[in-house]
PDB file of all heavy atoms in Angstrom:
ATOM      1  N   GLU A   1      32.471  70.502  74.193  1.00  0.00           N
ATOM      2  CA  GLU A   1      33.357  71.325  73.372  1.00  0.00           C
ATOM      3  C   GLU A   1      34.797  71.289  73.890  1.00  0.00           C
ATOM      4  O   GLU A   1      35.741  71.227  73.096  1.00  0.00           O
ATOM      5  CB  GLU A   1      32.840  72.763  73.305  1.00  0.00           C
ATOM      6  CG  GLU A   1      31.590  72.880  72.467  1.00  0.00           C
ATOM      7  CD  GLU A   1      30.973  74.263  72.421  1.00  0.00           C
ATOM      8  OE1 GLU A   1      31.282  75.092  73.327  1.00  0.00           O
ATOM      9  OE2 GLU A   1      30.193  74.525  71.496  1.00  0.00           O
ATOM     10  N   ILE A   2      34.983  71.292  75.198  1.00  0.00           N
ATOM     11  CA  ILE A   2      36.325  71.208  75.778  1.00  0.00           C
ATOM     12  C   ILE A   2      36.952  69.851  75.468  1.00  0.00           C
ATOM     13  O   ILE A   2      38.131  69.768  75.104  1.00  0.00           O
ATOM     14  CB  ILE A   2      36.290  71.492  77.295  1.00  0.00           C
ATOM     15  CG1 ILE A   2      35.997  72.972  77.531  1.00  0.00           C
ATOM     16  CG2 ILE A   2      37.585  71.063  77.967  1.00  0.00           C
ATOM     17  CD1 ILE A   2      35.652  73.315  78.970  1.00  0.00           C
ATOM     18  N   ALA A   3      36.179  68.778  75.598  1.00  0.00           N
ATOM     19  CA  ALA A   3      36.696  67.437  75.301  1.00  0.00           C
ATOM     20  C   ALA A   3      37.113  67.325  73.839  1.00  0.00           C
ATOM     21  O   ALA A   3      38.192  66.802  73.534  1.00  0.00           O
ATOM     22  CB  ALA A   3      35.643  66.377  75.642  1.00  0.00           C
ATOM     23  N   VAL A   4      36.275  67.824  72.952  1.00  0.00           N
ATOM     24  CA  VAL A   4      36.567  67.777  71.516  1.00  0.00           C
ATOM     25  C   VAL A   4      37.855  68.555  71.223  1.00  0.00           C
ATOM     26  O   VAL A   4      38.764  68.058  70.543  1.00  0.00           O
ATOM     27  CB  VAL A   4      35.360  68.325  70.716  1.00  0.00           C
ATOM     28  CG1 VAL A   4      35.726  68.609  69.273  1.00  0.00           C
ATOM     29  CG2 VAL A   4      34.187  67.346  70.779  1.00  0.00           C
ATOM     30  N   ALA A   5      37.951  69.767  71.732  1.00  0.00           N
ATOM     31  CA  ALA A   5      39.130  70.603  71.487  1.00  0.00           C
ATOM     32  C   ALA A   5      40.393  70.006  72.114  1.00  0.00           C
ATOM     33  O   ALA A   5      41.476  70.076  71.525  1.00  0.00           O
ATOM     34  CB  ALA A   5      38.887  72.012  72.018  1.00  0.00           C
ATOM     35  N   SER A   6      40.253  69.387  73.284  1.00  0.00           N
ATOM     36  CA  SER A   6      41.429  68.836  73.970  1.00  0.00           C
ATOM     37  C   SER A   6      42.086  67.710  73.184  1.00  0.00           C
ATOM     38  O   SER A   6      43.272  67.433  73.367  1.00  0.00           O
ATOM     39  CB  SER A   6      41.051  68.346  75.369  1.00  0.00           C
ATOM     40  OG  SER A   6      40.349  67.118  75.299  1.00  0.00           O
ATOM     41  N   LEU A   7      41.328  67.065  72.313  1.00  0.00           N
ATOM     42  CA  LEU A   7      41.886  65.997  71.484  1.00  0.00           C
ATOM     43  C   LEU A   7      42.297  66.494  70.100  1.00  0.00           C
ATOM     44  O   LEU A   7      42.610  65.701  69.217  1.00  0.00           O
ATOM     45  CB  LEU A   7      40.887  64.846  71.381  1.00  0.00           C
ATOM     46  CG  LEU A   7      40.790  64.057  72.695  1.00  0.00           C
ATOM     47  CD1 LEU A   7      39.545  63.222  72.751  1.00  0.00           C
ATOM     48  CD2 LEU A   7      42.033  63.206  72.876  1.00  0.00           C
ATOM     49  N   GLY A   8      42.295  67.815  69.919  1.00  0.00           N
ATOM     50  CA  GLY A   8      42.807  68.399  68.688  1.00  0.00           C
ATOM     51  C   GLY A   8      41.832  68.498  67.539  1.00  0.00           C
ATOM     52  O   GLY A   8      42.226  68.802  66.413  1.00  0.00           O
ATOM     53  N   TYR A   9      40.559  68.257  67.792  1.00  0.00           N
ATOM     54  CA  TYR A   9      39.567  68.403  66.733  1.00  0.00           C
ATOM     55  C   TYR A   9      39.226  69.875  66.533  1.00  0.00           C
ATOM     56  O   TYR A   9      39.268  70.675  67.476  1.00  0.00           O
ATOM     57  CB  TYR A   9      38.283  67.637  67.067  1.00  0.00           C
ATOM     58  CG  TYR A   9      38.451  66.144  67.068  1.00  0.00           C
ATOM     59  CD1 TYR A   9      38.537  65.436  68.262  1.00  0.00           C
ATOM     60  CD2 TYR A   9      38.521  65.432  65.867  1.00  0.00           C
ATOM     61  CE1 TYR A   9      38.690  64.057  68.264  1.00  0.00           C
ATOM     62  CE2 TYR A   9      38.672  64.056  65.874  1.00  0.00           C
ATOM     63  CZ  TYR A   9      38.756  63.374  67.069  1.00  0.00           C
ATOM     64  OH  TYR A   9      38.907  62.014  67.070  1.00  0.00           O
ATOM     65  N   VAL A  10      38.860  70.225  65.320  1.00  0.00           N
ATOM     66  CA  VAL A  10      38.399  71.569  64.984  1.00  0.00           C
ATOM     67  C   VAL A  10      36.874  71.520  64.954  1.00  0.00           C
ATOM     68  O   VAL A  10      36.288  70.823  64.124  1.00  0.00           O
ATOM     69  CB  VAL A  10      38.950  72.022  63.617  1.00  0.00           C
ATOM     70  CG1 VAL A  10      38.414  73.390  63.238  1.00  0.00           C
ATOM     71  CG2 VAL A  10      40.479  72.003  63.619  1.00  0.00           C
ATOM     72  N   LEU A  11      36.250  72.235  65.862  1.00  0.00           N
ATOM     73  CA  LEU A  11      34.790  72.232  65.953  1.00  0.00           C
ATOM     74  C   LEU A  11      34.201  73.109  64.850  1.00  0.00           C
ATOM     75  O   LEU A  11      34.524  74.291  64.749  1.00  0.00           O
ATOM     76  CB  LEU A  11      34.358  72.733  67.327  1.00  0.00           C
ATOM     77  CG  LEU A  11      32.890  72.615  67.658  1.00  0.00           C
ATOM     78  CD1 LEU A  11      32.433  71.163  67.595  1.00  0.00           C
ATOM     79  CD2 LEU A  11      32.633  73.179  69.040  1.00  0.00           C
ATOM     80  N   ILE A  12      33.356  72.511  64.030  1.00  0.00           N
ATOM     81  CA  ILE A  12      32.711  73.222  62.932  1.00  0.00           C
ATOM     82  C   ILE A  12      31.239  73.409  63.293  1.00  0.00           C
ATOM     83  O   ILE A  12      30.537  72.425  63.558  1.00  0.00           O
ATOM     84  CB  ILE A  12      32.819  72.433  61.601  1.00  0.00           C
ATOM     85  CG1 ILE A  12      34.280  72.092  61.274  1.00  0.00           C
ATOM     86  CG2 ILE A  12      32.145  73.203  60.471  1.00  0.00           C
ATOM     87  CD1 ILE A  12      35.168  73.254  60.964  1.00  0.00           C
ATOM     88  N   PRO A  13      30.742  74.651  63.303  1.00  0.00           N
ATOM     89  CA  PRO A  13      29.316  74.867  63.601  1.00  0.00           C
ATOM     90  C   PRO A  13      28.441  74.296  62.478  1.00  0.00           C
ATOM     91  O   PRO A  13      28.716  74.494  61.298  1.00  0.00           O
ATOM     92  CB  PRO A  13      29.184  76.384  63.677  1.00  0.00           C
ATOM     93  CG  PRO A  13      30.544  76.952  63.545  1.00  0.00           C
ATOM     94  CD  PRO A  13      31.464  75.879  63.079  1.00  0.00           C
ATOM     95  N   GLU A  14      27.408  73.601  62.868  1.00  0.00           N
ATOM     96  CA  GLU A  14      26.554  72.927  61.887  1.00  0.00           C
ATOM     97  C   GLU A  14      25.986  73.866  60.813  1.00  0.00           C
ATOM     98  O   GLU A  14      25.951  73.484  59.639  1.00  0.00           O
ATOM     99  CB  GLU A  14      25.426  72.181  62.613  1.00  0.00           C
ATOM    100  CG  GLU A  14      24.816  71.102  61.786  1.00  0.00           C
ATOM    101  CD  GLU A  14      23.870  70.203  62.563  1.00  0.00           C
ATOM    102  OE1 GLU A  14      23.907  70.176  63.810  1.00  0.00           O
ATOM    103  OE2 GLU A  14      23.078  69.524  61.888  1.00  0.00           O
ATOM    104  N   PRO A  15      25.551  75.096  61.137  1.00  0.00           N
ATOM    105  CA  PRO A  15      25.003  75.957  60.080  1.00  0.00           C
ATOM    106  C   PRO A  15      25.971  76.229  58.931  1.00  0.00           C
ATOM    107  O   PRO A  15      25.545  76.346  57.777  1.00  0.00           O
ATOM    108  CB  PRO A  15      24.647  77.253  60.804  1.00  0.00           C
ATOM    109  CG  PRO A  15      24.447  76.851  62.221  1.00  0.00           C
ATOM    110  CD  PRO A  15      25.425  75.724  62.456  1.00  0.00           C
ATOM    111  N   ALA A  16      27.265  76.304  59.219  1.00  0.00           N
ATOM    112  CA  ALA A  16      28.254  76.543  58.158  1.00  0.00           C
ATOM    113  C   ALA A  16      28.276  75.403  57.150  1.00  0.00           C
ATOM    114  O   ALA A  16      28.663  75.596  55.990  1.00  0.00           O
ATOM    115  CB  ALA A  16      29.637  76.729  58.767  1.00  0.00           C
ATOM    116  N   LEU A  17      27.845  74.234  57.569  1.00  0.00           N
ATOM    117  CA  LEU A  17      27.905  73.049  56.721  1.00  0.00           C
ATOM    118  C   LEU A  17      26.677  72.865  55.834  1.00  0.00           C
ATOM    119  O   LEU A  17      26.699  72.077  54.894  1.00  0.00           O
ATOM    120  CB  LEU A  17      28.088  71.810  57.596  1.00  0.00           C
ATOM    121  CG  LEU A  17      29.380  71.814  58.407  1.00  0.00           C
ATOM    122  CD1 LEU A  17      29.318  70.756  59.507  1.00  0.00           C
ATOM    123  CD2 LEU A  17      30.575  71.604  57.505  1.00  0.00           C
ATOM    124  N   HIS A  18      25.622  73.597  56.111  1.00  0.00           N
ATOM    125  CA  HIS A  18      24.388  73.418  55.340  1.00  0.00           C
ATOM    126  C   HIS A  18      24.256  74.409  54.198  1.00  0.00           C
ATOM    127  O   HIS A  18      23.209  74.478  53.553  1.00  0.00           O
ATOM    128  CB  HIS A  18      23.174  73.462  56.273  1.00  0.00           C
ATOM    129  CG  HIS A  18      23.157  72.279  57.196  1.00  0.00           C
ATOM    130  ND1 HIS A  18      23.051  70.982  56.744  1.00  0.00           N
ATOM    131  CD2 HIS A  18      23.300  72.188  58.533  1.00  0.00           C
ATOM    132  CE1 HIS A  18      23.109  70.153  57.763  1.00  0.00           C
ATOM    133  NE2 HIS A  18      23.264  70.859  58.862  1.00  0.00           N
ATOM    134  N   ARG A  19      25.319  75.108  53.916  1.00  0.00           N
ATOM    135  CA  ARG A  19      25.346  76.009  52.762  1.00  0.00           C
ATOM    136  C   ARG A  19      25.691  75.217  51.514  1.00  0.00           C
ATOM    137  O   ARG A  19      26.344  74.174  51.597  1.00  0.00           O
ATOM    138  CB  ARG A  19      26.369  77.108  52.987  1.00  0.00           C
ATOM    139  CG  ARG A  19      25.881  78.075  54.049  1.00  0.00           C
ATOM    140  CD  ARG A  19      26.838  79.198  54.197  1.00  0.00           C
ATOM    141  NE  ARG A  19      27.449  78.993  55.508  1.00  0.00           N
ATOM    142  CZ  ARG A  19      28.518  79.583  55.929  1.00  0.00           C
ATOM    143  NH1 ARG A  19      29.166  80.412  55.158  1.00  0.00           N
ATOM    144  NH2 ARG A  19      28.981  79.357  57.124  1.00  0.00           N
ATOM    145  N   PRO A  20      25.292  75.725  50.363  1.00  0.00           N
ATOM    146  CA  PRO A  20      25.632  75.022  49.115  1.00  0.00           C
ATOM    147  C   PRO A  20      27.149  74.855  48.974  1.00  0.00           C
ATOM    148  O   PRO A  20      27.914  75.774  49.249  1.00  0.00           O
ATOM    149  CB  PRO A  20      25.084  75.939  48.020  1.00  0.00           C
ATOM    150  CG  PRO A  20      23.995  76.712  48.691  1.00  0.00           C
ATOM    151  CD  PRO A  20      24.454  76.899  50.117  1.00  0.00           C
ATOM    152  N   TYR A  21      27.536  73.680  48.533  1.00  0.00           N
ATOM    153  CA  TYR A  21      28.949  73.378  48.313  1.00  0.00           C
ATOM    154  C   TYR A  21      29.385  73.984  46.993  1.00  0.00           C
ATOM    155  O   TYR A  21      28.750  73.788  45.965  1.00  0.00           O
ATOM    156  CB  TYR A  21      29.153  71.859  48.298  1.00  0.00           C
ATOM    157  CG  TYR A  21      30.561  71.451  47.936  1.00  0.00           C
ATOM    158  CD1 TYR A  21      31.575  71.528  48.884  1.00  0.00           C
ATOM    159  CD2 TYR A  21      30.875  71.012  46.666  1.00  0.00           C
ATOM    160  CE1 TYR A  21      32.880  71.167  48.566  1.00  0.00           C
ATOM    161  CE2 TYR A  21      32.169  70.637  46.335  1.00  0.00           C
ATOM    162  CZ  TYR A  21      33.162  70.730  47.287  1.00  0.00           C
ATOM    163  OH  TYR A  21      34.445  70.370  46.965  1.00  0.00           O
ATOM    164  N   ASP A  22      30.497  74.707  47.040  1.00  0.00           N
ATOM    165  CA  ASP A  22      31.043  75.296  45.820  1.00  0.00           C
ATOM    166  C   ASP A  22      32.562  75.106  45.773  1.00  0.00           C
ATOM    167  O   ASP A  22      33.296  75.965  45.294  1.00  0.00           O
ATOM    168  CB  ASP A  22      30.672  76.771  45.710  1.00  0.00           C
ATOM    169  CG  ASP A  22      31.154  77.604  46.886  1.00  0.00           C
ATOM    170  OD1 ASP A  22      31.701  77.034  47.855  1.00  0.00           O
ATOM    171  OD2 ASP A  22      31.009  78.824  46.845  1.00  0.00           O
ATOM    172  N   GLY A  23      33.002  73.949  46.252  1.00  0.00           N
ATOM    173  CA  GLY A  23      34.425  73.659  46.307  1.00  0.00           C
ATOM    174  C   GLY A  23      34.954  73.024  45.041  1.00  0.00           C
ATOM    175  O   GLY A  23      34.327  73.102  43.977  1.00  0.00           O
ATOM    176  N   VAL A  24      36.102  72.335  45.168  1.00  0.00           N
ATOM    177  CA  VAL A  24      36.833  71.859  43.996  1.00  0.00           C
ATOM    178  C   VAL A  24      36.517  70.421  43.585  1.00  0.00           C
ATOM    179  O   VAL A  24      36.942  69.990  42.525  1.00  0.00           O
ATOM    180  CB  VAL A  24      38.365  71.994  44.216  1.00  0.00           C
ATOM    181  CG1 VAL A  24      38.745  73.431  44.460  1.00  0.00           C
ATOM    182  CG2 VAL A  24      38.856  71.100  45.335  1.00  0.00           C
ATOM    183  N   THR A  25      35.798  69.657  44.399  1.00  0.00           N
ATOM    184  CA  THR A  25      35.535  68.259  44.048  1.00  0.00           C
ATOM    185  C   THR A  25      34.312  68.132  43.140  1.00  0.00           C
ATOM    186  O   THR A  25      33.583  69.088  42.912  1.00  0.00           O
ATOM    187  CB  THR A  25      35.279  67.401  45.305  1.00  0.00           C
ATOM    188  OG1 THR A  25      34.017  67.753  45.849  1.00  0.00           O
ATOM    189  CG2 THR A  25      36.378  67.571  46.340  1.00  0.00           C
ATOM    190  N   ALA A  26      34.091  66.910  42.682  1.00  0.00           N
ATOM    191  CA  ALA A  26      32.930  66.606  41.836  1.00  0.00           C
ATOM    192  C   ALA A  26      31.745  66.202  42.707  1.00  0.00           C
ATOM    193  O   ALA A  26      31.035  65.242  42.418  1.00  0.00           O
ATOM    194  CB  ALA A  26      33.280  65.491  40.869  1.00  0.00           C
ATOM    195  N   LEU A  27      31.515  66.928  43.762  1.00  0.00           N
ATOM    196  CA  LEU A  27      30.471  66.585  44.726  1.00  0.00           C
ATOM    197  C   LEU A  27      29.068  66.812  44.178  1.00  0.00           C
ATOM    198  O   LEU A  27      28.105  66.338  44.754  1.00  0.00           O
ATOM    199  CB  LEU A  27      30.671  67.385  46.018  1.00  0.00           C
ATOM    200  CG  LEU A  27      29.863  66.948  47.227  1.00  0.00           C
ATOM    201  CD1 LEU A  27      30.202  65.523  47.617  1.00  0.00           C
ATOM    202  CD2 LEU A  27      30.131  67.877  48.388  1.00  0.00           C
ATOM    203  N   GLY A  28      28.942  67.470  43.069  1.00  0.00           N
ATOM    204  CA  GLY A  28      27.633  67.782  42.508  1.00  0.00           C
ATOM    205  C   GLY A  28      26.723  66.595  42.316  1.00  0.00           C
ATOM    206  O   GLY A  28      25.504  66.728  42.280  1.00  0.00           O
ATOM    207  N   THR A  29      27.289  65.393  42.196  1.00  0.00           N
ATOM    208  CA  THR A  29      26.459  64.199  42.014  1.00  0.00           C
ATOM    209  C   THR A  29      25.855  63.714  43.321  1.00  0.00           C
ATOM    210  O   THR A  29      24.991  62.857  43.325  1.00  0.00           O
ATOM    211  CB  THR A  29      27.280  63.055  41.391  1.00  0.00           C
ATOM    212  OG1 THR A  29      28.374  62.754  42.254  1.00  0.00           O
ATOM    213  CG2 THR A  29      27.790  63.444  40.014  1.00  0.00           C
ATOM    214  N   HIS A  30      26.324  64.243  44.459  1.00  0.00           N
ATOM    215  CA  HIS A  30      25.826  63.868  45.787  1.00  0.00           C
ATOM    216  C   HIS A  30      25.023  65.042  46.320  1.00  0.00           C
ATOM    217  O   HIS A  30      25.550  66.122  46.513  1.00  0.00           O
ATOM    218  CB  HIS A  30      26.982  63.559  46.741  1.00  0.00           C
ATOM    219  CG  HIS A  30      27.896  62.512  46.204  1.00  0.00           C
ATOM    220  ND1 HIS A  30      27.614  61.175  46.300  1.00  0.00           N
ATOM    221  CD2 HIS A  30      29.065  62.597  45.544  1.00  0.00           C
ATOM    222  CE1 HIS A  30      28.584  60.483  45.735  1.00  0.00           C
ATOM    223  NE2 HIS A  30      29.478  61.318  45.267  1.00  0.00           N
ATOM    224  N   THR A  31      23.748  64.824  46.556  1.00  0.00           N
ATOM    225  CA  THR A  31      22.916  65.952  46.938  1.00  0.00           C
ATOM    226  C   THR A  31      22.214  65.728  48.271  1.00  0.00           C
ATOM    227  O   THR A  31      22.031  64.602  48.712  1.00  0.00           O
ATOM    228  CB  THR A  31      21.848  66.239  45.868  1.00  0.00           C
ATOM    229  OG1 THR A  31      21.036  65.082  45.703  1.00  0.00           O
ATOM    230  CG2 THR A  31      22.479  66.623  44.541  1.00  0.00           C
ATOM    231  N   SER A  32      21.828  66.830  48.873  1.00  0.00           N
ATOM    232  CA  SER A  32      21.060  66.809  50.115  1.00  0.00           C
ATOM    233  C   SER A  32      19.595  66.555  49.777  1.00  0.00           C
ATOM    234  O   SER A  32      19.214  66.552  48.603  1.00  0.00           O
ATOM    235  CB  SER A  32      21.207  68.162  50.810  1.00  0.00           C
ATOM    236  OG  SER A  32      20.488  69.148  50.094  1.00  0.00           O
ATOM    237  N   PRO A  33      18.743  66.383  50.803  1.00  0.00           N
ATOM    238  CA  PRO A  33      17.310  66.220  50.528  1.00  0.00           C
ATOM    239  C   PRO A  33      16.722  67.412  49.768  1.00  0.00           C
ATOM    240  O   PRO A  33      15.716  67.282  49.091  1.00  0.00           O
ATOM    241  CB  PRO A  33      16.693  66.102  51.923  1.00  0.00           C
ATOM    242  CG  PRO A  33      17.789  65.540  52.761  1.00  0.00           C
ATOM    243  CD  PRO A  33      19.063  66.149  52.210  1.00  0.00           C
TER     244      PRO A  33
END
C-alpha cells in the first residue's frame, strides 16, 4: 500500500468495485459472471 501510494496511485478497495455499475457509460453490454 505504501509503494502504491508513493507512486501517486489511488488505492480502491475491491468490494467497492463489485457493486452494480450505474454510471454514465454504455457499460450495460459488458457484464460480470
